[in-house]
Structures are given as structure tokens and as C-alpha cells.
Amino acid sequence: MGPNPSQIAALEDWLRAAFPEAQVSAEGDFDREVYLFRARENKRGGNRYEIEISYETFEDHSAAKIVTMLNGINAAERLETEPNSRFFLDRFFNFGRSKYGNTG
């Protein structure tokens, strides 16, 4: 089961706060059971900042707890220092580069 609309909105808000000049979008990948959150700079050739969050994370934790954990591990700063890479957060709050999608 994927995230509910309030969970999606909370993570989109977190990403907007981290990258206020970027356009934020989110979409699910049912086959991989992840939700991809993306912030793209609004200029040609601009950076993108991406994080996949497993469906299990949303099942196990509230949106507030997920956002608190992302802030606690400085996830936005990591995304900013490695733009155009895709990161992943699992249900145990392990955070790192995704083995899918962008590699830089």
C-alpha cells in the first residue's frame, strides 16, 4: 500500500522548503513499491533533487516522523551536494543512493 495524500503532501512540502526555487512533483512506482519525490530547478539544464521512499516507510511511520528523520540525517543537504543523483529511504531510515534511476 502506498502513501496517503496527506503523507505525500507533507513530503512535497519538505522538498519545497529545502528547494524553494524548484518545481516539486511526486509519483508512485507500484512495481518497485516506492514513491519518487523530485524537485527540479526551473532553469534550462537546472539540477534535480530526487528521493525515493519505500511504501513500507509510509506504512510504518507517520509523515511527521519521516520528515523529522529526513531533517535529522540532513537529507536535503545531501541531495543538494549530490544533485542529479537519486537517493532512497527505507522503512528503517537507511538513507543512501538509489541503485535505480539517476546516477549523477
N, C-alpha and C. Protein backbone atom coordinates (compact mmCIF):
# COMPACT_ATOMS: atom_id res chain seq x y z
N MET A 1 0.84 -1.18 0.00
CA MET A 1 0.00 0.00 0.00
C MET A 1 0.89 1.24 0.00
N GLY A 2 0.58 2.16 -0.86
CA GLY A 2 1.36 3.39 -0.98
C GLY A 2 0.95 4.43 0.04
N PRO A 3 1.60 5.57 -0.01
CA PRO A 3 1.30 6.65 0.93
C PRO A 3 -0.08 7.25 0.68
N ASN A 4 -0.63 7.84 1.72
CA ASN A 4 -1.91 8.54 1.55
C ASN A 4 -1.64 9.99 1.13
N PRO A 5 -2.66 10.70 0.68
CA PRO A 5 -2.45 12.07 0.19
C PRO A 5 -1.80 13.01 1.20
N SER A 6 -2.12 12.87 2.47
CA SER A 6 -1.50 13.78 3.45
C SER A 6 -0.02 13.47 3.64
N GLN A 7 0.37 12.21 3.52
CA GLN A 7 1.78 11.86 3.60
C GLN A 7 2.53 12.43 2.39
N ILE A 8 1.94 12.30 1.21
CA ILE A 8 2.57 12.83 0.01
C ILE A 8 2.73 14.34 0.14
N ALA A 9 1.67 15.02 0.58
CA ALA A 9 1.72 16.48 0.72
C ALA A 9 2.81 16.91 1.70
N ALA A 10 2.96 16.19 2.80
CA ALA A 10 3.99 16.54 3.79
C ALA A 10 5.39 16.42 3.21
N LEU A 11 5.63 15.38 2.43
CA LEU A 11 6.96 15.22 1.83
C LEU A 11 7.19 16.22 0.71
N GLU A 12 6.15 16.54 -0.04
CA GLU A 12 6.30 17.60 -1.05
C GLU A 12 6.61 18.94 -0.38
N ASP A 13 5.95 19.22 0.73
CA ASP A 13 6.22 20.46 1.47
C ASP A 13 7.65 20.49 1.98
N TRP A 14 8.14 19.36 2.47
CA TRP A 14 9.53 19.28 2.95
C TRP A 14 10.49 19.60 1.81
N LEU A 15 10.23 19.01 0.65
CA LEU A 15 11.11 19.23 -0.50
C LEU A 15 11.02 20.67 -0.99
N ARG A 16 9.83 21.25 -0.99
CA ARG A 16 9.67 22.67 -1.38
C ARG A 16 10.42 23.59 -0.43
N ALA A 17 10.38 23.28 0.86
CA ALA A 17 11.10 24.11 1.84
C ALA A 17 12.61 24.01 1.62
N ALA A 18 13.09 22.84 1.24
CA ALA A 18 14.52 22.64 1.02
C ALA A 18 14.98 23.29 -0.28
N PHE A 19 14.12 23.28 -1.29
CA PHE A 19 14.48 23.80 -2.62
C PHE A 19 13.36 24.73 -3.11
N PRO A 20 13.26 25.91 -2.50
CA PRO A 20 12.12 26.79 -2.78
C PRO A 20 12.04 27.30 -4.22
N GLU A 21 13.13 27.30 -4.95
CA GLU A 21 13.12 27.78 -6.33
C GLU A 21 12.79 26.66 -7.33
N ALA A 22 12.61 25.45 -6.84
CA ALA A 22 12.41 24.30 -7.71
C ALA A 22 10.93 23.93 -7.82
N GLN A 23 10.60 23.25 -8.90
CA GLN A 23 9.25 22.69 -9.09
C GLN A 23 9.25 21.29 -8.50
N VAL A 24 8.29 21.01 -7.63
CA VAL A 24 8.23 19.73 -6.93
C VAL A 24 7.13 18.86 -7.53
N SER A 25 7.45 17.58 -7.69
CA SER A 25 6.46 16.61 -8.16
C SER A 25 6.69 15.30 -7.42
N ALA A 26 5.69 14.44 -7.49
CA ALA A 26 5.78 13.14 -6.84
C ALA A 26 4.99 12.12 -7.65
N GLU A 27 5.49 10.91 -7.68
CA GLU A 27 4.79 9.84 -8.38
C GLU A 27 5.18 8.49 -7.80
N GLY A 28 4.23 7.57 -7.83
CA GLY A 28 4.49 6.24 -7.32
C GLY A 28 5.00 5.30 -8.39
N ASP A 29 5.76 4.32 -7.96
CA ASP A 29 6.20 3.22 -8.82
C ASP A 29 5.71 1.95 -8.15
N PHE A 30 4.53 1.51 -8.58
CA PHE A 30 3.88 0.37 -7.94
C PHE A 30 4.73 -0.89 -8.01
N ASP A 31 5.39 -1.12 -9.13
CA ASP A 31 6.19 -2.34 -9.30
C ASP A 31 7.34 -2.42 -8.31
N ARG A 32 7.97 -1.28 -8.03
CA ARG A 32 9.11 -1.26 -7.10
C ARG A 32 8.68 -0.90 -5.69
N GLU A 33 7.41 -0.52 -5.51
CA GLU A 33 6.88 -0.14 -4.20
C GLU A 33 7.64 1.01 -3.56
N VAL A 34 7.83 2.05 -4.36
CA VAL A 34 8.46 3.28 -3.88
C VAL A 34 7.67 4.47 -4.39
N TYR A 35 7.83 5.58 -3.71
CA TYR A 35 7.28 6.85 -4.17
C TYR A 35 8.45 7.78 -4.42
N LEU A 36 8.50 8.36 -5.61
CA LEU A 36 9.59 9.24 -6.02
C LEU A 36 9.16 10.69 -5.82
N PHE A 37 9.97 11.43 -5.08
CA PHE A 37 9.77 12.86 -4.88
C PHE A 37 10.91 13.57 -5.61
N ARG A 38 10.54 14.57 -6.42
CA ARG A 38 11.52 15.22 -7.28
C ARG A 38 11.36 16.74 -7.20
N ALA A 39 12.47 17.43 -7.08
CA ALA A 39 12.49 18.90 -7.18
C ALA A 39 13.41 19.24 -8.35
N ARG A 40 12.88 19.99 -9.30
CA ARG A 40 13.67 20.39 -10.48
C ARG A 40 13.78 21.90 -10.51
N GLU A 41 15.00 22.37 -10.70
CA GLU A 41 15.20 23.80 -10.86
C GLU A 41 14.51 24.26 -12.14
N ASN A 42 13.96 25.46 -12.11
CA ASN A 42 13.16 25.98 -13.21
C ASN A 42 13.96 26.60 -14.34
N LYS A 43 15.25 26.36 -14.38
CA LYS A 43 16.05 26.92 -15.48
C LYS A 43 16.56 25.79 -16.37
N ARG A 44 16.83 26.13 -17.60
CA ARG A 44 17.32 25.14 -18.57
C ARG A 44 18.61 24.52 -18.05
N GLY A 45 18.66 23.20 -18.04
CA GLY A 45 19.84 22.50 -17.56
C GLY A 45 19.98 22.53 -16.05
N GLY A 46 18.92 22.95 -15.36
CA GLY A 46 18.98 23.04 -13.90
C GLY A 46 19.08 21.69 -13.23
N ASN A 47 19.51 21.72 -11.99
CA ASN A 47 19.65 20.49 -11.21
C ASN A 47 18.30 19.90 -10.85
N ARG A 48 18.34 18.63 -10.53
CA ARG A 48 17.17 17.95 -9.97
C ARG A 48 17.62 17.23 -8.71
N TYR A 49 16.70 17.16 -7.77
CA TYR A 49 16.96 16.55 -6.46
C TYR A 49 15.88 15.49 -6.26
N GLU A 50 16.29 14.24 -6.09
CA GLU A 50 15.32 13.15 -6.07
C GLU A 50 15.55 12.22 -4.89
N ILE A 51 14.42 11.80 -4.32
CA ILE A 51 14.47 10.81 -3.26
C ILE A 51 13.29 9.86 -3.42
N GLU A 52 13.60 8.58 -3.37
CA GLU A 52 12.59 7.54 -3.37
C GLU A 52 12.37 7.12 -1.92
N ILE A 53 11.11 6.93 -1.57
CA ILE A 53 10.78 6.47 -0.22
C ILE A 53 9.92 5.23 -0.38
N SER A 54 10.30 4.17 0.29
CA SER A 54 9.59 2.90 0.15
C SER A 54 8.17 2.99 0.70
N TYR A 55 7.27 2.26 0.08
CA TYR A 55 5.90 2.19 0.58
C TYR A 55 5.89 1.74 2.04
N GLU A 56 6.77 0.81 2.39
CA GLU A 56 6.84 0.32 3.77
C GLU A 56 7.12 1.44 4.76
N THR A 57 7.93 2.40 4.36
CA THR A 57 8.23 3.54 5.23
C THR A 57 6.94 4.27 5.58
N PHE A 58 6.10 4.49 4.58
CA PHE A 58 4.83 5.17 4.82
C PHE A 58 3.87 4.32 5.64
N GLU A 59 3.95 3.00 5.49
CA GLU A 59 3.09 2.11 6.28
C GLU A 59 3.52 2.09 7.75
N ASP A 60 4.81 2.19 8.00
CA ASP A 60 5.35 2.05 9.36
C ASP A 60 5.42 3.37 10.13
N HIS A 61 5.46 4.50 9.43
CA HIS A 61 5.75 5.78 10.09
C HIS A 61 4.81 6.88 9.60
N SER A 62 4.53 7.81 10.48
CA SER A 62 3.74 8.98 10.10
C SER A 62 4.59 9.90 9.23
N ALA A 63 3.92 10.76 8.51
CA ALA A 63 4.64 11.74 7.69
C ALA A 63 5.52 12.62 8.56
N ALA A 64 5.01 13.01 9.72
CA ALA A 64 5.79 13.87 10.62
C ALA A 64 7.08 13.18 11.05
N LYS A 65 7.00 11.89 11.33
CA LYS A 65 8.21 11.17 11.75
C LYS A 65 9.20 11.04 10.60
N ILE A 66 8.69 10.81 9.40
CA ILE A 66 9.57 10.71 8.23
C ILE A 66 10.29 12.04 8.00
N VAL A 67 9.54 13.14 8.06
CA VAL A 67 10.15 14.46 7.86
C VAL A 67 11.17 14.75 8.96
N THR A 68 10.83 14.42 10.19
CA THR A 68 11.78 14.63 11.30
C THR A 68 13.06 13.84 11.07
N MET A 69 12.92 12.61 10.61
CA MET A 69 14.10 11.79 10.36
C MET A 69 14.92 12.35 9.19
N LEU A 70 14.25 12.78 8.12
CA LEU A 70 14.98 13.37 7.00
C LEU A 70 15.75 14.60 7.44
N ASN A 71 15.14 15.42 8.29
CA ASN A 71 15.85 16.59 8.82
C ASN A 71 17.00 16.17 9.72
N GLY A 72 16.80 15.14 10.51
CA GLY A 72 17.83 14.68 11.44
C GLY A 72 19.06 14.12 10.75
N ILE A 73 18.87 13.55 9.58
CA ILE A 73 20.02 13.00 8.84
C ILE A 73 20.52 13.97 7.77
N ASN A 74 19.99 15.18 7.79
CA ASN A 74 20.40 16.22 6.83
C ASN A 74 20.25 15.76 5.38
N ALA A 75 19.13 15.11 5.10
CA ALA A 75 18.90 14.57 3.76
C ALA A 75 18.88 15.65 2.69
N ALA A 76 18.27 16.80 2.96
CA ALA A 76 18.22 17.86 1.96
C ALA A 76 19.62 18.34 1.60
N GLU A 77 20.48 18.44 2.59
CA GLU A 77 21.86 18.86 2.33
C GLU A 77 22.58 17.83 1.47
N ARG A 78 22.32 16.57 1.71
CA ARG A 78 22.94 15.51 0.90
C ARG A 78 22.46 15.58 -0.54
N LEU A 79 21.15 15.79 -0.71
CA LEU A 79 20.62 15.94 -2.06
C LEU A 79 21.25 17.13 -2.76
N GLU A 80 21.43 18.21 -2.02
CA GLU A 80 21.99 19.43 -2.60
C GLU A 80 23.47 19.25 -2.98
N THR A 81 24.22 18.49 -2.20
CA THR A 81 25.64 18.29 -2.51
C THR A 81 25.85 17.28 -3.63
N GLU A 82 24.83 16.46 -3.90
CA GLU A 82 24.92 15.48 -4.99
C GLU A 82 23.71 15.61 -5.90
N PRO A 83 23.55 16.78 -6.55
CA PRO A 83 22.39 16.96 -7.42
C PRO A 83 22.43 15.97 -8.57
N ASN A 84 21.26 15.69 -9.09
CA ASN A 84 21.09 14.79 -10.23
C ASN A 84 21.37 13.34 -9.89
N SER A 85 21.52 13.05 -8.61
CA SER A 85 21.58 11.68 -8.13
C SER A 85 20.26 11.37 -7.46
N ARG A 86 19.88 10.11 -7.46
CA ARG A 86 18.64 9.71 -6.81
C ARG A 86 18.99 8.98 -5.51
N PHE A 87 18.30 9.38 -4.45
CA PHE A 87 18.52 8.77 -3.13
C PHE A 87 17.31 7.94 -2.73
N PHE A 88 17.51 7.11 -1.71
CA PHE A 88 16.48 6.17 -1.26
C PHE A 88 16.41 6.19 0.26
N LEU A 89 15.19 6.12 0.78
CA LEU A 89 14.97 5.98 2.23
C LEU A 89 14.09 4.76 2.45
N ASP A 90 14.55 3.84 3.32
CA ASP A 90 13.75 2.65 3.59
C ASP A 90 13.05 2.74 4.94
N ARG A 91 12.29 1.72 5.26
CA ARG A 91 11.48 1.71 6.47
C ARG A 91 12.29 1.81 7.75
N PHE A 92 13.58 1.45 7.71
CA PHE A 92 14.45 1.53 8.88
C PHE A 92 15.23 2.84 8.90
N PHE A 93 14.87 3.75 8.01
CA PHE A 93 15.51 5.06 7.85
C PHE A 93 16.96 4.96 7.40
N ASN A 94 17.27 3.88 6.67
CA ASN A 94 18.56 3.81 5.98
C ASN A 94 18.45 4.73 4.77
N PHE A 95 19.43 5.60 4.61
CA PHE A 95 19.41 6.61 3.56
C PHE A 95 20.70 6.52 2.75
N GLY A 96 20.54 6.50 1.45
CA GLY A 96 21.72 6.46 0.58
C GLY A 96 21.31 6.58 -0.87
N ARG A 97 22.27 6.40 -1.74
CA ARG A 97 21.98 6.46 -3.18
C ARG A 97 21.13 5.28 -3.59
N SER A 98 20.17 5.57 -4.46
CA SER A 98 19.33 4.51 -5.02
C SER A 98 20.11 3.75 -6.08
N LYS A 99 19.86 2.48 -6.18
CA LYS A 99 20.51 1.70 -7.24
C LYS A 99 19.72 1.79 -8.54
N TYR A 100 18.61 2.53 -8.50
CA TYR A 100 17.78 2.74 -9.70
C TYR A 100 17.82 4.21 -10.07
N GLY A 101 17.46 4.50 -11.30
CA GLY A 101 17.31 5.90 -11.70
C GLY A 101 18.63 6.57 -11.95
N ASN A 102 18.67 7.83 -11.55
CA ASN A 102 19.82 8.70 -11.84
C ASN A 102 21.05 8.27 -11.06
N THR A 103 22.18 8.38 -11.72
CA THR A 103 23.43 8.08 -11.04
C THR A 103 24.38 9.28 -11.09
N GLY A 104 23.87 10.40 -11.46
CA GLY A 104 24.70 11.60 -11.48
C GLY A 104 25.01 12.08 -12.84
